[in-house]
Amino acid sequence: MSNARVVLLAGPSGSGKSYVAHRTGLPVLCLDDFYRDGDDPDLPRVDGAVDWESPLAWNAAAAVAAIDALCRYGKTETPIYALGEDRSVGTRTVDLDGFSLFIAEGIFAAEIVADCHARGILAGAYALRRPRAVTYVRRLARDLAERRKPPIVLLRRGVALLRAEPSVLARQSRLGARPGSGRTILTEIAALRVADPFAG
């Protein structure tokens, strides 16, 4: 048995969640790997197109199950999701390697704060907050480099997300993820590690 706990890291798309998560030095679980496949009939749609910004496009139950398994056993199998293909393309093993604290990061991380808290496995929950213009540029550069969608789609999506960012952060805050800068979040996670002698 592992008896580990999770720190959930939410924030708008492109805000730098993965970067901050890996800077903690803790094991990282990528929650974006739990998107539903593009042919899932239960995917939410707007005007006939899949709404990938909706939490309903994400498999929260599977994400929580993976987090719970990591907390209990220290290891689990997770999907590998190809965003450009809108589907899972394989699996990977996530191993805590003896750590009793790990990060689970993704744009929908705040959606499972209450569930993780109820299970007694939540160490903390944050929403990464950066200047909107910085997030917009980071997101567009990343998405273009990774060829996630055609450029015109990425530009339109980027503008829409830029406008929606305040409401996204407000929702994540209501769900229990405390907004903060990257520096603040790293400082608080470092304090959690000091408080837990087995956190690594």
N, C-alpha and C. Protein backbone atom coordinates (compact mmCIF):
# COMPACT_ATOMS: atom_id res chain seq x y z
N MET A 1 0.84 -1.20 0.00
CA MET A 1 0.00 0.00 0.00
C MET A 1 0.87 1.25 0.00
N SER A 2 0.44 2.27 -0.73
CA SER A 2 1.23 3.49 -0.89
C SER A 2 0.83 4.59 0.08
N ASN A 3 -0.48 4.82 0.25
CA ASN A 3 -0.98 5.91 1.08
C ASN A 3 -0.44 7.27 0.65
N ALA A 4 -0.35 7.47 -0.64
CA ALA A 4 0.09 8.76 -1.17
C ALA A 4 -1.10 9.72 -1.25
N ARG A 5 -0.80 11.00 -1.51
CA ARG A 5 -1.84 12.00 -1.70
C ARG A 5 -1.54 12.79 -2.96
N VAL A 6 -2.57 13.45 -3.48
CA VAL A 6 -2.45 14.15 -4.75
C VAL A 6 -2.60 15.67 -4.57
N VAL A 7 -1.86 16.41 -5.36
CA VAL A 7 -2.05 17.85 -5.51
C VAL A 7 -2.63 18.07 -6.90
N LEU A 8 -3.82 18.61 -6.97
CA LEU A 8 -4.47 18.87 -8.25
C LEU A 8 -4.07 20.25 -8.75
N LEU A 9 -3.67 20.32 -10.02
CA LEU A 9 -3.24 21.58 -10.61
C LEU A 9 -4.07 21.87 -11.86
N ALA A 10 -4.98 22.82 -11.73
CA ALA A 10 -5.83 23.24 -12.85
C ALA A 10 -5.29 24.56 -13.42
N GLY A 11 -6.08 25.17 -14.29
CA GLY A 11 -5.68 26.42 -14.93
C GLY A 11 -6.12 26.42 -16.37
N PRO A 12 -6.19 27.57 -17.01
CA PRO A 12 -6.60 27.64 -18.41
C PRO A 12 -5.65 26.87 -19.32
N SER A 13 -6.14 26.48 -20.48
CA SER A 13 -5.29 25.83 -21.48
C SER A 13 -4.13 26.74 -21.86
N GLY A 14 -2.91 26.19 -21.83
CA GLY A 14 -1.74 26.96 -22.22
C GLY A 14 -1.13 27.81 -21.12
N SER A 15 -1.63 27.70 -19.90
CA SER A 15 -1.14 28.55 -18.82
C SER A 15 0.20 28.08 -18.25
N GLY A 16 0.64 26.88 -18.62
CA GLY A 16 1.92 26.38 -18.12
C GLY A 16 1.81 25.37 -17.01
N LYS A 17 0.68 24.68 -16.94
CA LYS A 17 0.47 23.70 -15.86
C LYS A 17 1.52 22.59 -15.87
N SER A 18 1.80 22.05 -17.05
CA SER A 18 2.78 20.97 -17.15
C SER A 18 4.16 21.43 -16.70
N TYR A 19 4.53 22.64 -17.12
CA TYR A 19 5.83 23.20 -16.74
C TYR A 19 5.94 23.33 -15.22
N VAL A 20 4.93 23.91 -14.60
CA VAL A 20 4.95 24.09 -13.15
C VAL A 20 4.94 22.74 -12.44
N ALA A 21 4.12 21.82 -12.93
CA ALA A 21 4.04 20.49 -12.32
C ALA A 21 5.40 19.80 -12.31
N HIS A 22 6.10 19.84 -13.41
CA HIS A 22 7.40 19.16 -13.48
C HIS A 22 8.47 19.89 -12.69
N ARG A 23 8.30 21.20 -12.50
CA ARG A 23 9.27 21.95 -11.70
C ARG A 23 9.19 21.59 -10.22
N THR A 24 8.10 20.99 -9.78
CA THR A 24 7.99 20.61 -8.36
C THR A 24 8.94 19.48 -8.00
N GLY A 25 9.38 18.70 -9.00
CA GLY A 25 10.22 17.54 -8.73
C GLY A 25 9.45 16.32 -8.29
N LEU A 26 8.12 16.42 -8.29
CA LEU A 26 7.27 15.30 -7.90
C LEU A 26 6.79 14.54 -9.13
N PRO A 27 6.36 13.28 -8.97
CA PRO A 27 5.74 12.56 -10.09
C PRO A 27 4.52 13.31 -10.60
N VAL A 28 4.28 13.23 -11.90
CA VAL A 28 3.19 13.99 -12.52
C VAL A 28 2.27 13.06 -13.31
N LEU A 29 0.99 13.21 -13.07
CA LEU A 29 -0.05 12.51 -13.84
C LEU A 29 -0.71 13.53 -14.75
N CYS A 30 -0.72 13.28 -16.07
CA CYS A 30 -1.34 14.19 -17.02
C CYS A 30 -2.82 13.85 -17.17
N LEU A 31 -3.66 14.72 -16.67
CA LEU A 31 -5.10 14.47 -16.71
C LEU A 31 -5.71 14.66 -18.09
N ASP A 32 -5.01 15.36 -18.99
CA ASP A 32 -5.52 15.51 -20.34
C ASP A 32 -5.55 14.19 -21.10
N ASP A 33 -4.86 13.18 -20.60
CA ASP A 33 -4.89 11.86 -21.22
C ASP A 33 -6.24 11.16 -21.02
N PHE A 34 -7.10 11.77 -20.22
CA PHE A 34 -8.39 11.14 -19.95
C PHE A 34 -9.54 11.78 -20.73
N TYR A 35 -9.20 12.50 -21.81
CA TYR A 35 -10.24 12.95 -22.74
C TYR A 35 -10.94 11.74 -23.33
N ARG A 36 -12.21 11.91 -23.68
CA ARG A 36 -12.95 10.86 -24.36
C ARG A 36 -12.54 10.81 -25.84
N ASP A 37 -12.60 9.63 -26.43
CA ASP A 37 -12.29 9.48 -27.84
C ASP A 37 -13.30 10.26 -28.69
N GLY A 38 -12.85 10.71 -29.84
CA GLY A 38 -13.68 11.55 -30.70
C GLY A 38 -14.94 10.90 -31.22
N ASP A 39 -14.99 9.56 -31.19
CA ASP A 39 -16.19 8.86 -31.66
C ASP A 39 -17.13 8.47 -30.53
N ASP A 40 -16.86 8.95 -29.32
CA ASP A 40 -17.73 8.66 -28.18
C ASP A 40 -19.08 9.35 -28.39
N PRO A 41 -20.17 8.62 -28.41
CA PRO A 41 -21.48 9.24 -28.66
C PRO A 41 -21.94 10.19 -27.57
N ASP A 42 -21.31 10.12 -26.40
CA ASP A 42 -21.71 10.98 -25.29
C ASP A 42 -20.95 12.32 -25.26
N LEU A 43 -20.11 12.56 -26.24
CA LEU A 43 -19.37 13.82 -26.26
C LEU A 43 -20.34 15.00 -26.40
N PRO A 44 -20.09 16.09 -25.67
CA PRO A 44 -20.95 17.29 -25.79
C PRO A 44 -20.70 17.97 -27.13
N ARG A 45 -21.73 18.54 -27.70
CA ARG A 45 -21.61 19.20 -29.01
C ARG A 45 -22.28 20.57 -28.98
N VAL A 46 -21.71 21.48 -29.77
CA VAL A 46 -22.27 22.82 -29.98
C VAL A 46 -22.34 23.04 -31.48
N ASP A 47 -23.54 23.24 -31.99
CA ASP A 47 -23.74 23.42 -33.44
C ASP A 47 -23.14 22.26 -34.24
N GLY A 48 -23.25 21.07 -33.68
CA GLY A 48 -22.80 19.88 -34.38
C GLY A 48 -21.34 19.52 -34.18
N ALA A 49 -20.54 20.45 -33.63
CA ALA A 49 -19.11 20.20 -33.41
C ALA A 49 -18.86 19.83 -31.95
N VAL A 50 -17.88 18.96 -31.73
CA VAL A 50 -17.55 18.55 -30.37
C VAL A 50 -17.03 19.75 -29.58
N ASP A 51 -17.54 19.92 -28.37
CA ASP A 51 -17.09 20.99 -27.47
C ASP A 51 -16.01 20.42 -26.55
N TRP A 52 -14.76 20.53 -27.00
CA TRP A 52 -13.65 19.97 -26.23
C TRP A 52 -13.33 20.79 -24.99
N GLU A 53 -13.92 21.97 -24.84
CA GLU A 53 -13.69 22.79 -23.65
C GLU A 53 -14.66 22.43 -22.52
N SER A 54 -15.62 21.57 -22.81
CA SER A 54 -16.59 21.16 -21.80
C SER A 54 -16.02 20.02 -20.94
N PRO A 55 -16.22 20.07 -19.63
CA PRO A 55 -15.80 18.96 -18.77
C PRO A 55 -16.41 17.62 -19.17
N LEU A 56 -17.55 17.67 -19.88
CA LEU A 56 -18.20 16.44 -20.31
C LEU A 56 -17.42 15.74 -21.42
N ALA A 57 -16.43 16.42 -22.01
CA ALA A 57 -15.57 15.80 -23.01
C ALA A 57 -14.45 14.99 -22.37
N TRP A 58 -14.45 14.99 -21.05
CA TRP A 58 -13.37 14.39 -20.27
C TRP A 58 -13.95 13.32 -19.36
N ASN A 59 -13.19 12.22 -19.19
CA ASN A 59 -13.67 11.10 -18.37
C ASN A 59 -13.22 11.27 -16.93
N ALA A 60 -14.00 12.01 -16.16
CA ALA A 60 -13.64 12.30 -14.77
C ALA A 60 -13.54 11.03 -13.92
N ALA A 61 -14.44 10.09 -14.14
CA ALA A 61 -14.44 8.85 -13.34
C ALA A 61 -13.15 8.07 -13.55
N ALA A 62 -12.69 7.99 -14.80
CA ALA A 62 -11.44 7.27 -15.08
C ALA A 62 -10.25 7.99 -14.48
N ALA A 63 -10.27 9.32 -14.52
CA ALA A 63 -9.18 10.10 -13.93
C ALA A 63 -9.10 9.88 -12.42
N VAL A 64 -10.23 9.93 -11.76
CA VAL A 64 -10.26 9.72 -10.31
C VAL A 64 -9.82 8.30 -9.96
N ALA A 65 -10.24 7.33 -10.75
CA ALA A 65 -9.84 5.94 -10.51
C ALA A 65 -8.32 5.79 -10.61
N ALA A 66 -7.70 6.46 -11.58
CA ALA A 66 -6.24 6.40 -11.73
C ALA A 66 -5.54 7.07 -10.55
N ILE A 67 -6.06 8.22 -10.13
CA ILE A 67 -5.48 8.90 -8.98
C ILE A 67 -5.61 8.05 -7.72
N ASP A 68 -6.78 7.46 -7.54
CA ASP A 68 -7.00 6.61 -6.36
C ASP A 68 -6.05 5.42 -6.36
N ALA A 69 -5.84 4.81 -7.54
CA ALA A 69 -4.92 3.67 -7.63
C ALA A 69 -3.49 4.09 -7.30
N LEU A 70 -3.09 5.26 -7.78
CA LEU A 70 -1.74 5.76 -7.45
C LEU A 70 -1.60 5.99 -5.95
N CYS A 71 -2.63 6.56 -5.34
CA CYS A 71 -2.58 6.82 -3.90
C CYS A 71 -2.53 5.53 -3.10
N ARG A 72 -3.23 4.51 -3.57
CA ARG A 72 -3.30 3.25 -2.84
C ARG A 72 -2.09 2.34 -3.09
N TYR A 73 -1.69 2.26 -4.35
CA TYR A 73 -0.71 1.24 -4.73
C TYR A 73 0.60 1.81 -5.28
N GLY A 74 0.63 3.12 -5.57
CA GLY A 74 1.86 3.72 -6.04
C GLY A 74 2.15 3.51 -7.51
N LYS A 75 1.25 2.87 -8.24
CA LYS A 75 1.47 2.59 -9.66
C LYS A 75 0.13 2.34 -10.33
N THR A 76 0.02 2.75 -11.59
CA THR A 76 -1.20 2.47 -12.35
C THR A 76 -0.94 2.64 -13.83
N GLU A 77 -1.82 2.06 -14.65
CA GLU A 77 -1.77 2.22 -16.10
C GLU A 77 -2.72 3.35 -16.51
N THR A 78 -2.24 4.23 -17.36
CA THR A 78 -3.08 5.34 -17.83
C THR A 78 -3.05 5.39 -19.35
N PRO A 79 -4.06 5.99 -19.96
CA PRO A 79 -4.07 6.11 -21.42
C PRO A 79 -3.05 7.14 -21.90
N ILE A 80 -2.67 7.04 -23.16
CA ILE A 80 -1.89 8.06 -23.85
C ILE A 80 -2.82 8.65 -24.90
N TYR A 81 -3.14 9.92 -24.75
CA TYR A 81 -4.12 10.54 -25.64
C TYR A 81 -3.44 11.42 -26.67
N ALA A 82 -3.76 11.22 -27.94
CA ALA A 82 -3.23 12.05 -29.02
C ALA A 82 -4.27 13.12 -29.35
N LEU A 83 -4.00 14.35 -28.95
CA LEU A 83 -4.98 15.42 -29.15
C LEU A 83 -5.24 15.68 -30.63
N GLY A 84 -4.22 15.53 -31.45
CA GLY A 84 -4.40 15.76 -32.87
C GLY A 84 -5.27 14.72 -33.55
N GLU A 85 -5.37 13.53 -32.91
CA GLU A 85 -6.18 12.45 -33.46
C GLU A 85 -7.49 12.26 -32.71
N ASP A 86 -7.66 12.98 -31.61
CA ASP A 86 -8.87 12.89 -30.79
C ASP A 86 -9.14 11.47 -30.30
N ARG A 87 -8.07 10.80 -29.86
CA ARG A 87 -8.29 9.44 -29.36
C ARG A 87 -7.08 8.97 -28.56
N SER A 88 -7.31 7.93 -27.77
CA SER A 88 -6.24 7.28 -27.04
C SER A 88 -5.46 6.38 -28.01
N VAL A 89 -4.13 6.42 -27.93
CA VAL A 89 -3.30 5.66 -28.86
C VAL A 89 -2.43 4.62 -28.15
N GLY A 90 -2.65 4.43 -26.85
CA GLY A 90 -1.87 3.45 -26.11
C GLY A 90 -2.01 3.66 -24.62
N THR A 91 -1.12 3.06 -23.87
CA THR A 91 -1.12 3.22 -22.42
C THR A 91 0.30 3.40 -21.92
N ARG A 92 0.42 3.94 -20.72
CA ARG A 92 1.72 4.07 -20.07
C ARG A 92 1.57 3.71 -18.61
N THR A 93 2.66 3.31 -17.99
CA THR A 93 2.68 3.05 -16.56
C THR A 93 3.17 4.29 -15.82
N VAL A 94 2.38 4.76 -14.88
CA VAL A 94 2.80 5.86 -14.01
C VAL A 94 3.18 5.26 -12.67
N ASP A 95 4.40 5.51 -12.24
CA ASP A 95 4.95 4.91 -11.02
C ASP A 95 5.43 6.03 -10.10
N LEU A 96 4.98 6.04 -8.85
CA LEU A 96 5.39 7.08 -7.91
C LEU A 96 6.80 6.86 -7.37
N ASP A 97 7.37 5.69 -7.58
CA ASP A 97 8.75 5.40 -7.16
C ASP A 97 8.98 5.74 -5.69
N GLY A 98 8.00 5.45 -4.86
CA GLY A 98 8.16 5.66 -3.43
C GLY A 98 7.72 7.02 -2.92
N PHE A 99 7.40 7.96 -3.82
CA PHE A 99 6.93 9.26 -3.38
C PHE A 99 5.54 9.13 -2.75
N SER A 100 5.27 9.93 -1.75
CA SER A 100 3.93 9.92 -1.12
C SER A 100 3.12 11.14 -1.51
N LEU A 101 3.64 11.93 -2.44
CA LEU A 101 2.94 13.10 -2.94
C LEU A 101 3.18 13.18 -4.44
N PHE A 102 2.14 13.50 -5.21
CA PHE A 102 2.31 13.66 -6.65
C PHE A 102 1.35 14.72 -7.18
N ILE A 103 1.61 15.17 -8.40
CA ILE A 103 0.81 16.20 -9.04
C ILE A 103 -0.07 15.57 -10.11
N ALA A 104 -1.34 15.96 -10.17
CA ALA A 104 -2.23 15.59 -11.27
C ALA A 104 -2.67 16.89 -11.91
N GLU A 105 -2.23 17.14 -13.16
CA GLU A 105 -2.47 18.44 -13.78
C GLU A 105 -3.29 18.31 -15.06
N GLY A 106 -4.14 19.32 -15.27
CA GLY A 106 -4.97 19.35 -16.48
C GLY A 106 -6.03 20.42 -16.36
N ILE A 107 -6.61 20.81 -17.49
CA ILE A 107 -7.58 21.91 -17.45
C ILE A 107 -8.84 21.57 -16.68
N PHE A 108 -9.12 20.26 -16.51
CA PHE A 108 -10.32 19.87 -15.78
C PHE A 108 -10.02 19.35 -14.37
N ALA A 109 -8.82 19.59 -13.89
CA ALA A 109 -8.43 19.08 -12.56
C ALA A 109 -9.37 19.54 -11.46
N ALA A 110 -9.87 20.77 -11.57
CA ALA A 110 -10.75 21.30 -10.52
C ALA A 110 -12.06 20.53 -10.44
N GLU A 111 -12.45 19.88 -11.53
CA GLU A 111 -13.72 19.15 -11.55
C GLU A 111 -13.74 17.99 -10.55
N ILE A 112 -12.57 17.53 -10.12
CA ILE A 112 -12.52 16.35 -9.24
C ILE A 112 -11.99 16.69 -7.85
N VAL A 113 -11.94 17.98 -7.51
CA VAL A 113 -11.47 18.37 -6.18
C VAL A 113 -12.35 17.74 -5.10
N ALA A 114 -13.66 17.88 -5.24
CA ALA A 114 -14.58 17.37 -4.21
C ALA A 114 -14.47 15.86 -4.07
N ASP A 115 -14.36 15.15 -5.19
CA ASP A 115 -14.26 13.69 -5.16
C ASP A 115 -12.98 13.24 -4.47
N CYS A 116 -11.86 13.86 -4.81
CA CYS A 116 -10.60 13.49 -4.17
C CYS A 116 -10.61 13.83 -2.68
N HIS A 117 -11.22 14.96 -2.34
CA HIS A 117 -11.32 15.33 -0.92
C HIS A 117 -12.16 14.30 -0.16
N ALA A 118 -13.27 13.88 -0.76
CA ALA A 118 -14.14 12.90 -0.10
C ALA A 118 -13.44 11.57 0.12
N ARG A 119 -12.51 11.23 -0.77
CA ARG A 119 -11.77 9.98 -0.64
C ARG A 119 -10.60 10.08 0.33
N GLY A 120 -10.33 11.30 0.80
CA GLY A 120 -9.24 11.51 1.76
C GLY A 120 -7.86 11.45 1.13
N ILE A 121 -7.76 11.75 -0.18
CA ILE A 121 -6.48 11.64 -0.87
C ILE A 121 -5.99 12.99 -1.39
N LEU A 122 -6.68 14.08 -1.07
CA LEU A 122 -6.33 15.40 -1.58
C LEU A 122 -5.37 16.12 -0.63
N ALA A 123 -4.20 16.52 -1.16
CA ALA A 123 -3.25 17.30 -0.38
C ALA A 123 -3.39 18.78 -0.64
N GLY A 124 -3.89 19.14 -1.83
CA GLY A 124 -4.06 20.55 -2.18
C GLY A 124 -4.61 20.66 -3.59
N ALA A 125 -5.16 21.83 -3.90
CA ALA A 125 -5.72 22.06 -5.24
C ALA A 125 -5.49 23.52 -5.62
N TYR A 126 -4.93 23.72 -6.81
CA TYR A 126 -4.57 25.06 -7.27
C TYR A 126 -5.04 25.28 -8.70
N ALA A 127 -5.21 26.54 -9.06
CA ALA A 127 -5.49 26.94 -10.44
C ALA A 127 -4.42 27.96 -10.84
N LEU A 128 -3.61 27.59 -11.82
CA LEU A 128 -2.51 28.44 -12.24
C LEU A 128 -3.04 29.68 -12.97
N ARG A 129 -2.64 30.84 -12.50
CA ARG A 129 -3.11 32.10 -13.05
C ARG A 129 -1.93 32.90 -13.59
N ARG A 130 -2.01 33.23 -14.89
CA ARG A 130 -0.99 34.05 -15.54
C ARG A 130 -1.69 35.18 -16.30
N PRO A 131 -0.95 36.22 -16.73
CA PRO A 131 -1.55 37.25 -17.58
C PRO A 131 -2.18 36.61 -18.82
N ARG A 132 -3.36 37.06 -19.19
CA ARG A 132 -4.10 36.42 -20.29
C ARG A 132 -3.32 36.45 -21.60
N ALA A 133 -2.64 37.55 -21.88
CA ALA A 133 -1.89 37.65 -23.13
C ALA A 133 -0.76 36.62 -23.17
N VAL A 134 -0.11 36.39 -22.03
CA VAL A 134 0.96 35.39 -21.96
C VAL A 134 0.40 34.00 -22.24
N THR A 135 -0.73 33.70 -21.63
CA THR A 135 -1.35 32.39 -21.84
C THR A 135 -1.74 32.21 -23.30
N TYR A 136 -2.29 33.25 -23.91
CA TYR A 136 -2.70 33.17 -25.31
C TYR A 136 -1.52 32.84 -26.21
N VAL A 137 -0.41 33.54 -26.03
CA VAL A 137 0.77 33.32 -26.87
C VAL A 137 1.37 31.94 -26.64
N ARG A 138 1.46 31.54 -25.37
CA ARG A 138 2.01 30.21 -25.05
C ARG A 138 1.16 29.11 -25.68
N ARG A 139 -0.14 29.25 -25.54
CA ARG A 139 -1.06 28.22 -26.05
C ARG A 139 -0.98 28.11 -27.57
N LEU A 140 -0.99 29.26 -28.25
CA LEU A 140 -0.95 29.23 -29.71
C LEU A 140 0.36 28.66 -30.22
N ALA A 141 1.47 29.06 -29.61
CA ALA A 141 2.78 28.54 -30.03
C ALA A 141 2.85 27.02 -29.83
N ARG A 142 2.35 26.55 -28.69
CA ARG A 142 2.36 25.11 -28.41
C ARG A 142 1.49 24.35 -29.40
N ASP A 143 0.27 24.83 -29.61
CA ASP A 143 -0.67 24.11 -30.46
C ASP A 143 -0.21 24.08 -31.92
N LEU A 144 0.39 25.18 -32.38
CA LEU A 144 0.91 25.21 -33.75
C LEU A 144 2.11 24.27 -33.88
N ALA A 145 2.98 24.28 -32.88
CA ALA A 145 4.17 23.41 -32.93
C ALA A 145 3.79 21.94 -32.93
N GLU A 146 2.74 21.61 -32.18
CA GLU A 146 2.31 20.21 -32.07
C GLU A 146 1.29 19.83 -33.14
N ARG A 147 0.89 20.80 -33.97
CA ARG A 147 -0.06 20.57 -35.06
C ARG A 147 -1.34 19.89 -34.55
N ARG A 148 -1.85 20.44 -33.47
CA ARG A 148 -3.02 19.82 -32.85
C ARG A 148 -4.27 19.94 -33.73
N LYS A 149 -4.38 21.05 -34.45
CA LYS A 149 -5.51 21.29 -35.35
C LYS A 149 -5.00 22.19 -36.48
N PRO A 150 -5.78 22.39 -37.56
CA PRO A 150 -5.39 23.35 -38.60
C PRO A 150 -5.18 24.74 -37.99
N PRO A 151 -4.23 25.52 -38.52
CA PRO A 151 -3.92 26.84 -37.95
C PRO A 151 -5.13 27.75 -37.78
N ILE A 152 -6.04 27.79 -38.75
CA ILE A 152 -7.20 28.68 -38.64
C ILE A 152 -8.09 28.28 -37.47
N VAL A 153 -8.20 26.97 -37.23
CA VAL A 153 -8.98 26.48 -36.10
C VAL A 153 -8.31 26.89 -34.79
N LEU A 154 -6.98 26.78 -34.74
CA LEU A 154 -6.25 27.15 -33.53
C LEU A 154 -6.36 28.64 -33.24
N LEU A 155 -6.33 29.46 -34.28
CA LEU A 155 -6.46 30.90 -34.08
C LEU A 155 -7.84 31.26 -33.52
N ARG A 156 -8.87 30.69 -34.11
CA ARG A 156 -10.23 30.96 -33.63
C ARG A 156 -10.42 30.45 -32.21
N ARG A 157 -9.91 29.25 -31.95
CA ARG A 157 -10.03 28.69 -30.61
C ARG A 157 -9.26 29.54 -29.60
N GLY A 158 -8.08 30.03 -30.01
CA GLY A 158 -7.28 30.84 -29.11
C GLY A 158 -7.98 32.11 -28.69
N VAL A 159 -8.64 32.78 -29.62
CA VAL A 159 -9.37 34.00 -29.31
C VAL A 159 -10.54 33.71 -28.37
N ALA A 160 -11.24 32.60 -28.66
CA ALA A 160 -12.38 32.22 -27.81
C ALA A 160 -11.92 31.91 -26.39
N LEU A 161 -10.80 31.21 -26.26
CA LEU A 161 -10.29 30.88 -24.94
C LEU A 161 -9.77 32.11 -24.20
N LEU A 162 -9.20 33.03 -24.95
CA LEU A 162 -8.74 34.29 -24.34
C LEU A 162 -9.90 35.02 -23.69
N ARG A 163 -11.02 35.08 -24.38
CA ARG A 163 -12.20 35.75 -23.85
C ARG A 163 -12.81 34.99 -22.67
N ALA A 164 -12.72 33.67 -22.71
CA ALA A 164 -13.37 32.85 -21.69
C ALA A 164 -12.52 32.66 -20.44
N GLU A 165 -11.24 33.05 -20.49
CA GLU A 165 -10.32 32.74 -19.39
C GLU A 165 -10.79 33.20 -18.02
N PRO A 166 -11.30 34.42 -17.85
CA PRO A 166 -11.76 34.82 -16.51
C PRO A 166 -12.85 33.91 -15.96
N SER A 167 -13.78 33.49 -16.81
CA SER A 167 -14.86 32.61 -16.34
C SER A 167 -14.33 31.22 -16.02
N VAL A 168 -13.31 30.77 -16.78
CA VAL A 168 -12.71 29.46 -16.51
C VAL A 168 -12.07 29.46 -15.13
N LEU A 169 -11.28 30.48 -14.84
CA LEU A 169 -10.64 30.57 -13.52
C LEU A 169 -11.66 30.73 -12.41
N ALA A 170 -12.72 31.47 -12.66
CA ALA A 170 -13.76 31.64 -11.64
C ALA A 170 -14.42 30.31 -11.31
N ARG A 171 -14.70 29.51 -12.35
CA ARG A 171 -15.31 28.20 -12.11
C ARG A 171 -14.36 27.29 -11.34
N GLN A 172 -13.08 27.29 -11.72
CA GLN A 172 -12.12 26.43 -11.04
C GLN A 172 -11.97 26.82 -9.58
N SER A 173 -12.05 28.11 -9.31
CA SER A 173 -11.99 28.59 -7.94
C SER A 173 -13.22 28.13 -7.14
N ARG A 174 -14.40 28.23 -7.75
CA ARG A 174 -15.62 27.78 -7.08
C ARG A 174 -15.57 26.29 -6.76
N LEU A 175 -14.89 25.53 -7.61
CA LEU A 175 -14.80 24.08 -7.41
C LEU A 175 -13.75 23.70 -6.38
N GLY A 176 -12.99 24.68 -5.90
CA GLY A 176 -12.06 24.40 -4.81
C GLY A 176 -10.59 24.48 -5.16
N ALA A 177 -10.25 24.93 -6.38
CA ALA A 177 -8.85 25.10 -6.77
C ALA A 177 -8.45 26.55 -6.52
N ARG A 178 -7.50 26.76 -5.65
CA ARG A 178 -7.13 28.13 -5.26
C ARG A 178 -6.23 28.77 -6.32
N PRO A 179 -6.65 29.90 -6.90
CA PRO A 179 -5.83 30.56 -7.93
C PRO A 179 -4.52 31.09 -7.35
N GLY A 180 -3.47 30.99 -8.16
CA GLY A 180 -2.19 31.52 -7.73
C GLY A 180 -1.20 31.54 -8.87
N SER A 181 -0.15 32.32 -8.72
CA SER A 181 0.92 32.37 -9.72
C SER A 181 1.75 31.09 -9.65
N GLY A 182 2.55 30.86 -10.67
CA GLY A 182 3.43 29.70 -10.65
C GLY A 182 4.35 29.71 -9.45
N ARG A 183 4.90 30.88 -9.14
CA ARG A 183 5.82 30.99 -8.00
C ARG A 183 5.12 30.65 -6.69
N THR A 184 3.90 31.17 -6.52
CA THR A 184 3.17 30.90 -5.28
C THR A 184 2.86 29.41 -5.15
N ILE A 185 2.42 28.81 -6.23
CA ILE A 185 2.06 27.39 -6.20
C ILE A 185 3.29 26.54 -5.90
N LEU A 186 4.41 26.83 -6.53
CA LEU A 186 5.63 26.07 -6.28
C LEU A 186 6.07 26.21 -4.82
N THR A 187 5.94 27.40 -4.26
CA THR A 187 6.31 27.62 -2.86
C THR A 187 5.44 26.80 -1.92
N GLU A 188 4.13 26.78 -2.20
CA GLU A 188 3.22 26.05 -1.32
C GLU A 188 3.39 24.54 -1.45
N ILE A 189 3.68 24.06 -2.65
CA ILE A 189 3.91 22.63 -2.81
C ILE A 189 5.22 22.23 -2.14
N ALA A 190 6.22 23.10 -2.21
CA ALA A 190 7.48 22.83 -1.50
C ALA A 190 7.23 22.71 0.00
N ALA A 191 6.33 23.54 0.53
CA ALA A 191 6.00 23.46 1.96
C ALA A 191 5.29 22.14 2.28
N LEU A 192 4.45 21.66 1.38
CA LEU A 192 3.80 20.37 1.58
C LEU A 192 4.83 19.26 1.64
N ARG A 193 5.85 19.34 0.81
CA ARG A 193 6.90 18.32 0.80
C ARG A 193 7.68 18.33 2.10
N VAL A 194 7.95 19.50 2.62
CA VAL A 194 8.68 19.60 3.88
C VAL A 194 7.85 19.01 5.03
N ALA A 195 6.53 19.24 4.96
CA ALA A 195 5.65 18.75 6.02
C ALA A 195 5.48 17.25 5.99
N ASP A 196 5.72 16.64 4.82
CA ASP A 196 5.56 15.19 4.67
C ASP A 196 6.93 14.56 4.45
N PRO A 197 7.49 13.87 5.43
CA PRO A 197 8.84 13.32 5.31
C PRO A 197 8.96 12.26 4.22
N PHE A 198 7.84 11.73 3.74
CA PHE A 198 7.89 10.70 2.69
C PHE A 198 7.54 11.27 1.31
N ALA A 199 7.35 12.60 1.23
CA ALA A 199 6.94 13.18 -0.04
C ALA A 199 8.06 13.14 -1.07
N GLY A 200 9.30 13.04 -0.65
CA GLY A 200 10.43 12.95 -1.57
C GLY A 200 11.09 14.30 -1.80
